[in-house]
Amino acid sequence: MLPTATLINYYHLCHRKMWLHANHIRMEHTSEAVAEGKQLHEHAYPQRAERYREIILDGSKIDFYDPYDKVVHEIKKSDKLEHSHIAQVQFYLYLLRKNGVDGATGLIEYPKLRQTETVQLTDEDIPMVESWIRDIERIVEREQCPGRIAKSKCRSCSYFDFCYVEEE
């Protein structure tokens, strides 16, 4: 099983969140932050729908891909979790390369901050991405959900109530 880009992103944030999502326990629909991100995605660059393509590769959806310049565009609300955003775009680039598209690059756009981050996938990065894939497969196949990580970022997570509910 090849993980999705969402699982790659979650892998870099929280293995528990990744495991829950992979096992069809989804909480994103209850999150104001997720709703705000979707709103930003739909309205930040209205001209995108005409120029760029949405493509699905091996179960992962790239919302904005420029096939002429070979650029993956990823819109994010905040740069707080930048390492996971970079990993997600590197995974998109890995999928493109795996499907015969060489030389693609990525651009993470933070419209609220008016910043962009260029992302590359080098030959040296490929073993790292493949190790993420193997680790994700290993974690997702476990019968038990990983423990919670108890970090400050948990408060804004859509799974917060799930992880911090007190059972008697």
N, C-alpha and C. Protein backbone atom coordinates (compact mmCIF):
# COMPACT_ATOMS: atom_id res chain seq x y z
N MET A 1 0.84 -1.19 0.00
CA MET A 1 0.00 0.00 0.00
C MET A 1 0.88 1.24 0.00
N LEU A 2 0.69 2.09 -0.97
CA LEU A 2 1.40 3.36 -1.01
C LEU A 2 0.57 4.36 -0.22
N PRO A 3 1.18 5.05 0.75
CA PRO A 3 0.40 6.02 1.53
C PRO A 3 0.00 7.21 0.66
N THR A 4 -0.94 7.97 1.15
CA THR A 4 -1.35 9.20 0.47
C THR A 4 -0.50 10.35 0.98
N ALA A 5 -0.57 11.48 0.29
CA ALA A 5 0.15 12.67 0.73
C ALA A 5 -0.35 13.15 2.09
N THR A 6 -1.62 12.95 2.37
CA THR A 6 -2.16 13.31 3.68
C THR A 6 -1.47 12.50 4.78
N LEU A 7 -1.27 11.22 4.53
CA LEU A 7 -0.59 10.39 5.53
C LEU A 7 0.86 10.81 5.69
N ILE A 8 1.51 11.22 4.61
CA ILE A 8 2.88 11.73 4.71
C ILE A 8 2.90 12.97 5.60
N ASN A 9 1.97 13.88 5.37
CA ASN A 9 1.87 15.09 6.17
C ASN A 9 1.65 14.73 7.64
N TYR A 10 0.68 13.87 7.90
CA TYR A 10 0.36 13.49 9.28
C TYR A 10 1.51 12.73 9.94
N TYR A 11 2.23 11.94 9.17
CA TYR A 11 3.38 11.21 9.69
C TYR A 11 4.39 12.17 10.32
N HIS A 12 4.55 13.32 9.71
CA HIS A 12 5.51 14.30 10.22
C HIS A 12 4.95 15.15 11.35
N LEU A 13 3.67 15.00 11.62
CA LEU A 13 3.04 15.74 12.71
C LEU A 13 2.78 14.85 13.93
N CYS A 14 2.13 13.70 13.68
CA CYS A 14 1.70 12.86 14.79
C CYS A 14 1.34 11.48 14.25
N HIS A 15 2.02 10.47 14.74
CA HIS A 15 1.76 9.10 14.27
C HIS A 15 0.36 8.64 14.67
N ARG A 16 -0.13 9.11 15.79
CA ARG A 16 -1.49 8.75 16.22
C ARG A 16 -2.52 9.29 15.23
N LYS A 17 -2.40 10.56 14.87
CA LYS A 17 -3.31 11.18 13.90
C LYS A 17 -3.24 10.42 12.58
N MET A 18 -2.03 10.08 12.15
CA MET A 18 -1.84 9.35 10.91
C MET A 18 -2.53 7.99 10.96
N TRP A 19 -2.32 7.27 12.05
CA TRP A 19 -2.91 5.93 12.20
C TRP A 19 -4.43 6.02 12.19
N LEU A 20 -4.99 6.97 12.94
CA LEU A 20 -6.45 7.14 12.99
C LEU A 20 -7.01 7.45 11.61
N HIS A 21 -6.39 8.38 10.91
CA HIS A 21 -6.86 8.75 9.57
C HIS A 21 -6.77 7.54 8.62
N ALA A 22 -5.67 6.83 8.67
CA ALA A 22 -5.48 5.66 7.80
C ALA A 22 -6.50 4.57 8.09
N ASN A 23 -6.97 4.52 9.33
CA ASN A 23 -7.94 3.51 9.73
C ASN A 23 -9.36 4.07 9.73
N HIS A 24 -9.57 5.10 8.92
CA HIS A 24 -10.89 5.67 8.63
C HIS A 24 -11.58 6.29 9.83
N ILE A 25 -10.80 6.78 10.77
CA ILE A 25 -11.35 7.57 11.88
C ILE A 25 -10.98 9.01 11.56
N ARG A 26 -11.95 9.74 11.04
CA ARG A 26 -11.70 11.07 10.51
C ARG A 26 -12.39 12.12 11.37
N MET A 27 -11.66 13.13 11.74
CA MET A 27 -12.20 14.19 12.59
C MET A 27 -12.12 15.57 11.92
N GLU A 28 -11.55 15.63 10.73
CA GLU A 28 -11.33 16.92 10.07
C GLU A 28 -12.62 17.71 9.88
N HIS A 29 -13.74 17.02 9.71
CA HIS A 29 -15.01 17.71 9.48
C HIS A 29 -15.46 18.53 10.70
N THR A 30 -14.86 18.30 11.86
CA THR A 30 -15.24 19.03 13.06
C THR A 30 -14.31 20.21 13.35
N SER A 31 -13.32 20.42 12.51
CA SER A 31 -12.28 21.40 12.80
C SER A 31 -12.50 22.73 12.09
N GLU A 32 -12.49 23.81 12.87
CA GLU A 32 -12.58 25.15 12.28
C GLU A 32 -11.33 25.46 11.47
N ALA A 33 -10.17 25.00 11.93
CA ALA A 33 -8.91 25.25 11.22
C ALA A 33 -8.92 24.59 9.84
N VAL A 34 -9.45 23.38 9.76
CA VAL A 34 -9.54 22.68 8.48
C VAL A 34 -10.51 23.42 7.56
N ALA A 35 -11.64 23.87 8.10
CA ALA A 35 -12.62 24.62 7.31
C ALA A 35 -12.00 25.92 6.78
N GLU A 36 -11.24 26.60 7.63
CA GLU A 36 -10.58 27.83 7.22
C GLU A 36 -9.55 27.56 6.11
N GLY A 37 -8.82 26.47 6.23
CA GLY A 37 -7.85 26.08 5.20
C GLY A 37 -8.52 25.79 3.87
N LYS A 38 -9.66 25.11 3.91
CA LYS A 38 -10.40 24.81 2.68
C LYS A 38 -10.90 26.10 2.03
N GLN A 39 -11.37 27.00 2.85
CA GLN A 39 -11.86 28.30 2.35
C GLN A 39 -10.71 29.06 1.67
N LEU A 40 -9.57 29.08 2.31
CA LEU A 40 -8.39 29.74 1.74
C LEU A 40 -8.00 29.09 0.42
N HIS A 41 -8.03 27.78 0.40
CA HIS A 41 -7.66 27.01 -0.79
C HIS A 41 -8.58 27.36 -1.97
N GLU A 42 -9.85 27.53 -1.68
CA GLU A 42 -10.82 27.79 -2.74
C GLU A 42 -10.81 29.23 -3.23
N HIS A 43 -10.39 30.18 -2.37
CA HIS A 43 -10.55 31.59 -2.73
C HIS A 43 -9.25 32.38 -2.85
N ALA A 44 -8.13 31.83 -2.44
CA ALA A 44 -6.87 32.60 -2.46
C ALA A 44 -6.40 32.89 -3.88
N TYR A 45 -6.57 31.94 -4.76
CA TYR A 45 -6.10 32.10 -6.15
C TYR A 45 -7.22 31.66 -7.10
N PRO A 46 -8.23 32.50 -7.31
CA PRO A 46 -9.38 32.09 -8.12
C PRO A 46 -9.04 31.74 -9.57
N GLN A 47 -7.97 32.28 -10.12
CA GLN A 47 -7.59 32.01 -11.50
C GLN A 47 -6.96 30.63 -11.67
N ARG A 48 -6.63 29.96 -10.61
CA ARG A 48 -5.93 28.67 -10.68
C ARG A 48 -6.71 27.60 -11.45
N ALA A 49 -7.98 27.55 -11.25
CA ALA A 49 -8.78 26.49 -11.87
C ALA A 49 -8.64 26.49 -13.39
N GLU A 50 -8.44 27.66 -13.97
CA GLU A 50 -8.32 27.74 -15.43
C GLU A 50 -6.95 27.31 -15.92
N ARG A 51 -5.91 27.66 -15.18
CA ARG A 51 -4.55 27.46 -15.67
C ARG A 51 -3.94 26.12 -15.30
N TYR A 52 -4.21 25.66 -14.09
CA TYR A 52 -3.54 24.46 -13.59
C TYR A 52 -4.48 23.26 -13.59
N ARG A 53 -3.90 22.11 -13.42
CA ARG A 53 -4.65 20.85 -13.44
C ARG A 53 -4.67 20.20 -12.07
N GLU A 54 -5.74 19.53 -11.79
CA GLU A 54 -5.80 18.65 -10.62
C GLU A 54 -5.47 17.26 -11.14
N ILE A 55 -4.53 16.60 -10.49
CA ILE A 55 -4.20 15.24 -10.92
C ILE A 55 -4.17 14.32 -9.72
N ILE A 56 -4.50 13.07 -9.97
CA ILE A 56 -4.46 12.04 -8.93
C ILE A 56 -3.42 11.01 -9.36
N LEU A 57 -2.44 10.80 -8.47
CA LEU A 57 -1.38 9.83 -8.71
C LEU A 57 -1.33 8.86 -7.55
N ASP A 58 -1.51 7.59 -7.83
CA ASP A 58 -1.39 6.56 -6.80
C ASP A 58 -2.19 6.89 -5.54
N GLY A 59 -3.38 7.45 -5.71
CA GLY A 59 -4.26 7.73 -4.58
C GLY A 59 -4.09 9.10 -3.94
N SER A 60 -3.09 9.87 -4.35
CA SER A 60 -2.86 11.21 -3.81
C SER A 60 -3.30 12.25 -4.83
N LYS A 61 -3.98 13.28 -4.34
CA LYS A 61 -4.50 14.32 -5.23
C LYS A 61 -3.64 15.58 -5.12
N ILE A 62 -3.10 15.99 -6.24
CA ILE A 62 -2.39 17.26 -6.34
C ILE A 62 -3.42 18.26 -6.87
N ASP A 63 -3.75 19.25 -6.06
CA ASP A 63 -4.81 20.18 -6.44
C ASP A 63 -4.40 21.10 -7.58
N PHE A 64 -3.18 21.62 -7.55
CA PHE A 64 -2.75 22.56 -8.56
C PHE A 64 -1.40 22.13 -9.12
N TYR A 65 -1.43 21.64 -10.36
CA TYR A 65 -0.20 21.24 -11.03
C TYR A 65 -0.12 21.97 -12.36
N ASP A 66 1.00 22.63 -12.58
CA ASP A 66 1.26 23.32 -13.83
C ASP A 66 2.05 22.36 -14.72
N PRO A 67 1.39 21.72 -15.70
CA PRO A 67 2.08 20.73 -16.52
C PRO A 67 3.11 21.33 -17.48
N TYR A 68 2.99 22.61 -17.78
CA TYR A 68 3.93 23.24 -18.70
C TYR A 68 5.26 23.54 -18.03
N ASP A 69 5.20 24.07 -16.82
CA ASP A 69 6.42 24.39 -16.08
C ASP A 69 6.80 23.30 -15.09
N LYS A 70 5.97 22.25 -14.99
CA LYS A 70 6.19 21.13 -14.07
C LYS A 70 6.34 21.61 -12.62
N VAL A 71 5.34 22.36 -12.15
CA VAL A 71 5.36 22.90 -10.79
C VAL A 71 4.10 22.47 -10.04
N VAL A 72 4.33 21.86 -8.88
CA VAL A 72 3.25 21.54 -7.95
C VAL A 72 3.05 22.77 -7.06
N HIS A 73 1.82 23.26 -6.98
CA HIS A 73 1.50 24.39 -6.11
C HIS A 73 0.68 23.85 -4.94
N GLU A 74 1.13 24.12 -3.75
CA GLU A 74 0.42 23.68 -2.53
C GLU A 74 0.15 24.93 -1.70
N ILE A 75 -1.11 25.14 -1.35
CA ILE A 75 -1.50 26.30 -0.56
C ILE A 75 -1.66 25.87 0.90
N LYS A 76 -1.06 26.63 1.79
CA LYS A 76 -1.16 26.35 3.22
C LYS A 76 -1.52 27.64 3.95
N LYS A 77 -2.23 27.46 5.04
CA LYS A 77 -2.71 28.58 5.83
C LYS A 77 -1.60 29.26 6.62
N SER A 78 -0.71 28.46 7.19
CA SER A 78 0.33 28.97 8.07
C SER A 78 1.61 28.18 7.85
N ASP A 79 2.72 28.80 8.19
CA ASP A 79 4.00 28.09 8.06
C ASP A 79 4.43 27.44 9.37
N LYS A 80 3.54 27.34 10.33
CA LYS A 80 3.87 26.75 11.64
C LYS A 80 4.37 25.30 11.51
N LEU A 81 3.79 24.55 10.60
CA LEU A 81 4.12 23.13 10.45
C LEU A 81 4.87 22.91 9.14
N GLU A 82 5.76 23.81 8.83
CA GLU A 82 6.41 23.84 7.52
C GLU A 82 7.10 22.53 7.16
N HIS A 83 7.72 21.86 8.12
CA HIS A 83 8.43 20.60 7.79
C HIS A 83 7.48 19.56 7.22
N SER A 84 6.25 19.51 7.73
CA SER A 84 5.28 18.54 7.19
C SER A 84 4.79 18.96 5.82
N HIS A 85 4.70 20.26 5.58
CA HIS A 85 4.30 20.76 4.26
C HIS A 85 5.36 20.41 3.22
N ILE A 86 6.62 20.60 3.58
CA ILE A 86 7.72 20.28 2.67
C ILE A 86 7.72 18.79 2.35
N ALA A 87 7.53 17.96 3.37
CA ALA A 87 7.50 16.51 3.16
C ALA A 87 6.36 16.12 2.23
N GLN A 88 5.20 16.74 2.40
CA GLN A 88 4.05 16.44 1.55
C GLN A 88 4.36 16.78 0.09
N VAL A 89 4.96 17.94 -0.16
CA VAL A 89 5.28 18.33 -1.53
C VAL A 89 6.40 17.45 -2.09
N GLN A 90 7.37 17.08 -1.26
CA GLN A 90 8.41 16.16 -1.73
C GLN A 90 7.78 14.82 -2.14
N PHE A 91 6.78 14.39 -1.42
CA PHE A 91 6.08 13.15 -1.77
C PHE A 91 5.37 13.31 -3.11
N TYR A 92 4.72 14.45 -3.35
CA TYR A 92 4.10 14.70 -4.66
C TYR A 92 5.16 14.61 -5.76
N LEU A 93 6.30 15.22 -5.54
CA LEU A 93 7.38 15.19 -6.52
C LEU A 93 7.89 13.77 -6.73
N TYR A 94 7.94 12.99 -5.65
CA TYR A 94 8.33 11.58 -5.73
C TYR A 94 7.33 10.81 -6.61
N LEU A 95 6.03 11.05 -6.39
CA LEU A 95 5.00 10.38 -7.19
C LEU A 95 5.10 10.77 -8.66
N LEU A 96 5.33 12.05 -8.91
CA LEU A 96 5.48 12.49 -10.30
C LEU A 96 6.66 11.79 -10.96
N ARG A 97 7.78 11.75 -10.25
CA ARG A 97 8.97 11.09 -10.80
C ARG A 97 8.71 9.61 -11.03
N LYS A 98 8.05 8.97 -10.07
CA LYS A 98 7.72 7.55 -10.18
C LYS A 98 6.81 7.28 -11.39
N ASN A 99 6.03 8.28 -11.78
CA ASN A 99 5.12 8.15 -12.91
C ASN A 99 5.66 8.80 -14.18
N GLY A 100 6.99 8.97 -14.24
CA GLY A 100 7.63 9.40 -15.47
C GLY A 100 7.78 10.89 -15.69
N VAL A 101 7.48 11.71 -14.69
CA VAL A 101 7.63 13.15 -14.83
C VAL A 101 8.89 13.57 -14.07
N ASP A 102 9.96 13.78 -14.80
CA ASP A 102 11.22 14.20 -14.18
C ASP A 102 11.34 15.72 -14.20
N GLY A 103 12.08 16.25 -13.25
CA GLY A 103 12.37 17.68 -13.23
C GLY A 103 11.29 18.56 -12.66
N ALA A 104 10.29 18.00 -12.02
CA ALA A 104 9.24 18.82 -11.41
C ALA A 104 9.76 19.46 -10.12
N THR A 105 9.20 20.59 -9.78
CA THR A 105 9.51 21.27 -8.52
C THR A 105 8.20 21.58 -7.81
N GLY A 106 8.33 22.04 -6.59
CA GLY A 106 7.15 22.39 -5.81
C GLY A 106 7.23 23.81 -5.30
N LEU A 107 6.08 24.37 -5.06
CA LEU A 107 5.99 25.70 -4.50
C LEU A 107 4.90 25.69 -3.43
N ILE A 108 5.30 25.91 -2.19
CA ILE A 108 4.32 26.03 -1.10
C ILE A 108 4.00 27.51 -0.97
N GLU A 109 2.73 27.81 -1.03
CA GLU A 109 2.30 29.20 -0.97
C GLU A 109 1.53 29.46 0.32
N TYR A 110 1.92 30.51 1.00
CA TYR A 110 1.28 30.94 2.23
C TYR A 110 0.66 32.31 1.95
N PRO A 111 -0.56 32.34 1.36
CA PRO A 111 -1.13 33.62 0.94
C PRO A 111 -1.34 34.62 2.07
N LYS A 112 -1.68 34.15 3.25
CA LYS A 112 -1.89 35.08 4.37
C LYS A 112 -0.59 35.75 4.78
N LEU A 113 0.52 35.05 4.61
CA LEU A 113 1.84 35.59 4.98
C LEU A 113 2.53 36.26 3.79
N ARG A 114 1.95 36.05 2.59
CA ARG A 114 2.55 36.55 1.34
C ARG A 114 3.97 36.01 1.18
N GLN A 115 4.10 34.70 1.42
CA GLN A 115 5.39 34.03 1.30
C GLN A 115 5.24 32.77 0.46
N THR A 116 6.35 32.38 -0.13
CA THR A 116 6.40 31.10 -0.85
C THR A 116 7.67 30.37 -0.46
N GLU A 117 7.63 29.07 -0.59
CA GLU A 117 8.77 28.20 -0.28
C GLU A 117 8.94 27.24 -1.45
N THR A 118 10.11 27.23 -2.05
CA THR A 118 10.40 26.31 -3.14
C THR A 118 10.82 24.97 -2.57
N VAL A 119 10.33 23.90 -3.18
CA VAL A 119 10.65 22.55 -2.71
C VAL A 119 11.21 21.75 -3.88
N GLN A 120 12.29 21.05 -3.63
CA GLN A 120 12.94 20.19 -4.61
C GLN A 120 12.92 18.75 -4.10
N LEU A 121 13.09 17.83 -5.01
CA LEU A 121 13.32 16.43 -4.66
C LEU A 121 14.58 16.01 -5.39
N THR A 122 15.64 15.83 -4.63
CA THR A 122 16.92 15.42 -5.22
C THR A 122 17.02 13.89 -5.21
N ASP A 123 17.98 13.38 -5.94
CA ASP A 123 18.23 11.93 -5.93
C ASP A 123 18.55 11.46 -4.51
N GLU A 124 19.21 12.31 -3.73
CA GLU A 124 19.55 11.97 -2.35
C GLU A 124 18.32 11.93 -1.45
N ASP A 125 17.25 12.63 -1.82
CA ASP A 125 16.02 12.66 -1.01
C ASP A 125 15.17 11.39 -1.19
N ILE A 126 15.33 10.71 -2.29
CA ILE A 126 14.46 9.56 -2.59
C ILE A 126 14.53 8.47 -1.53
N PRO A 127 15.72 8.05 -1.07
CA PRO A 127 15.74 7.04 0.00
C PRO A 127 15.03 7.51 1.27
N MET A 128 15.09 8.81 1.57
CA MET A 128 14.41 9.35 2.73
C MET A 128 12.89 9.21 2.56
N VAL A 129 12.37 9.58 1.40
CA VAL A 129 10.93 9.46 1.13
C VAL A 129 10.51 7.99 1.21
N GLU A 130 11.31 7.12 0.65
CA GLU A 130 10.99 5.69 0.69
C GLU A 130 11.03 5.14 2.11
N SER A 131 11.88 5.71 2.96
CA SER A 131 11.89 5.27 4.36
C SER A 131 10.63 5.76 5.08
N TRP A 132 10.13 6.95 4.74
CA TRP A 132 8.85 7.41 5.30
C TRP A 132 7.74 6.43 4.92
N ILE A 133 7.74 6.03 3.66
CA ILE A 133 6.69 5.12 3.17
C ILE A 133 6.72 3.81 3.94
N ARG A 134 7.90 3.24 4.10
CA ARG A 134 8.02 1.98 4.85
C ARG A 134 7.58 2.14 6.30
N ASP A 135 7.99 3.25 6.91
CA ASP A 135 7.63 3.49 8.31
C ASP A 135 6.12 3.69 8.46
N ILE A 136 5.52 4.41 7.55
CA ILE A 136 4.07 4.62 7.58
C ILE A 136 3.35 3.28 7.45
N GLU A 137 3.78 2.46 6.50
CA GLU A 137 3.16 1.14 6.33
C GLU A 137 3.26 0.33 7.61
N ARG A 138 4.42 0.37 8.25
CA ARG A 138 4.62 -0.38 9.50
C ARG A 138 3.69 0.12 10.60
N ILE A 139 3.58 1.43 10.75
CA ILE A 139 2.75 2.01 11.81
C ILE A 139 1.27 1.75 11.54
N VAL A 140 0.83 1.94 10.31
CA VAL A 140 -0.59 1.78 9.96
C VAL A 140 -1.04 0.33 10.13
N GLU A 141 -0.15 -0.61 9.90
CA GLU A 141 -0.51 -2.03 10.01
C GLU A 141 -0.64 -2.51 11.46
N ARG A 142 -0.18 -1.73 12.41
CA ARG A 142 -0.32 -2.11 13.82
C ARG A 142 -1.79 -2.23 14.19
N GLU A 143 -2.05 -3.14 15.11
CA GLU A 143 -3.43 -3.27 15.59
C GLU A 143 -3.80 -2.16 16.54
N GLN A 144 -2.81 -1.67 17.29
CA GLN A 144 -3.10 -0.63 18.28
C GLN A 144 -2.67 0.74 17.79
N CYS A 145 -3.48 1.70 18.15
CA CYS A 145 -3.21 3.09 17.81
C CYS A 145 -2.00 3.57 18.62
N PRO A 146 -1.08 4.32 18.00
CA PRO A 146 0.04 4.89 18.76
C PRO A 146 -0.47 5.83 19.85
N GLY A 147 0.34 6.02 20.87
CA GLY A 147 -0.03 6.91 21.97
C GLY A 147 -0.03 8.35 21.54
N ARG A 148 -0.66 9.18 22.34
CA ARG A 148 -0.69 10.61 22.02
C ARG A 148 0.66 11.24 22.36
N ILE A 149 0.95 12.34 21.71
CA ILE A 149 2.26 12.97 21.86
C ILE A 149 2.27 14.11 22.88
N ALA A 150 1.13 14.66 23.22
CA ALA A 150 1.01 15.72 24.22
C ALA A 150 1.94 16.90 23.96
N LYS A 151 1.70 17.57 22.86
CA LYS A 151 2.47 18.77 22.52
C LYS A 151 1.52 19.95 22.42
N SER A 152 2.06 21.14 22.43
CA SER A 152 1.21 22.34 22.36
C SER A 152 0.41 22.39 21.06
N LYS A 153 0.96 21.81 19.97
CA LYS A 153 0.23 21.83 18.70
C LYS A 153 -1.04 20.98 18.76
N CYS A 154 -1.16 20.12 19.75
CA CYS A 154 -2.34 19.25 19.86
C CYS A 154 -3.63 20.06 20.06
N ARG A 155 -3.53 21.20 20.71
CA ARG A 155 -4.73 21.99 20.99
C ARG A 155 -5.47 22.42 19.73
N SER A 156 -4.76 22.61 18.63
CA SER A 156 -5.42 23.05 17.40
C SER A 156 -5.71 21.89 16.45
N CYS A 157 -5.45 20.67 16.89
CA CYS A 157 -5.66 19.49 16.04
C CYS A 157 -7.13 19.08 16.03
N SER A 158 -7.59 18.63 14.88
CA SER A 158 -8.98 18.18 14.76
C SER A 158 -9.24 16.91 15.59
N TYR A 159 -8.19 16.21 15.99
CA TYR A 159 -8.33 15.00 16.80
C TYR A 159 -8.18 15.27 18.30
N PHE A 160 -8.07 16.51 18.69
CA PHE A 160 -7.82 16.86 20.09
C PHE A 160 -8.83 16.21 21.04
N ASP A 161 -10.12 16.37 20.75
CA ASP A 161 -11.14 15.79 21.63
C ASP A 161 -11.03 14.27 21.69
N PHE A 162 -10.72 13.66 20.57
CA PHE A 162 -10.56 12.20 20.53
C PHE A 162 -9.40 11.77 21.45
N CYS A 163 -8.30 12.47 21.35
CA CYS A 163 -7.10 12.07 22.10
C CYS A 163 -7.19 12.41 23.58
N TYR A 164 -7.93 13.45 23.93
CA TYR A 164 -7.93 13.91 25.31
C TYR A 164 -9.24 13.67 26.05
N VAL A 165 -10.10 12.86 25.50
CA VAL A 165 -11.32 12.50 26.22
C VAL A 165 -10.91 11.63 27.40
N GLU A 166 -11.49 11.86 28.53
CA GLU A 166 -11.18 11.06 29.71
C GLU A 166 -12.21 9.95 29.85
N GLU A 167 -11.74 8.74 29.85
CA GLU A 167 -12.63 7.59 30.01
C GLU A 167 -12.53 7.09 31.44
N GLU A 168 -13.63 6.58 31.93
CA GLU A 168 -13.64 6.05 33.29
C GLU A 168 -13.49 4.56 33.28
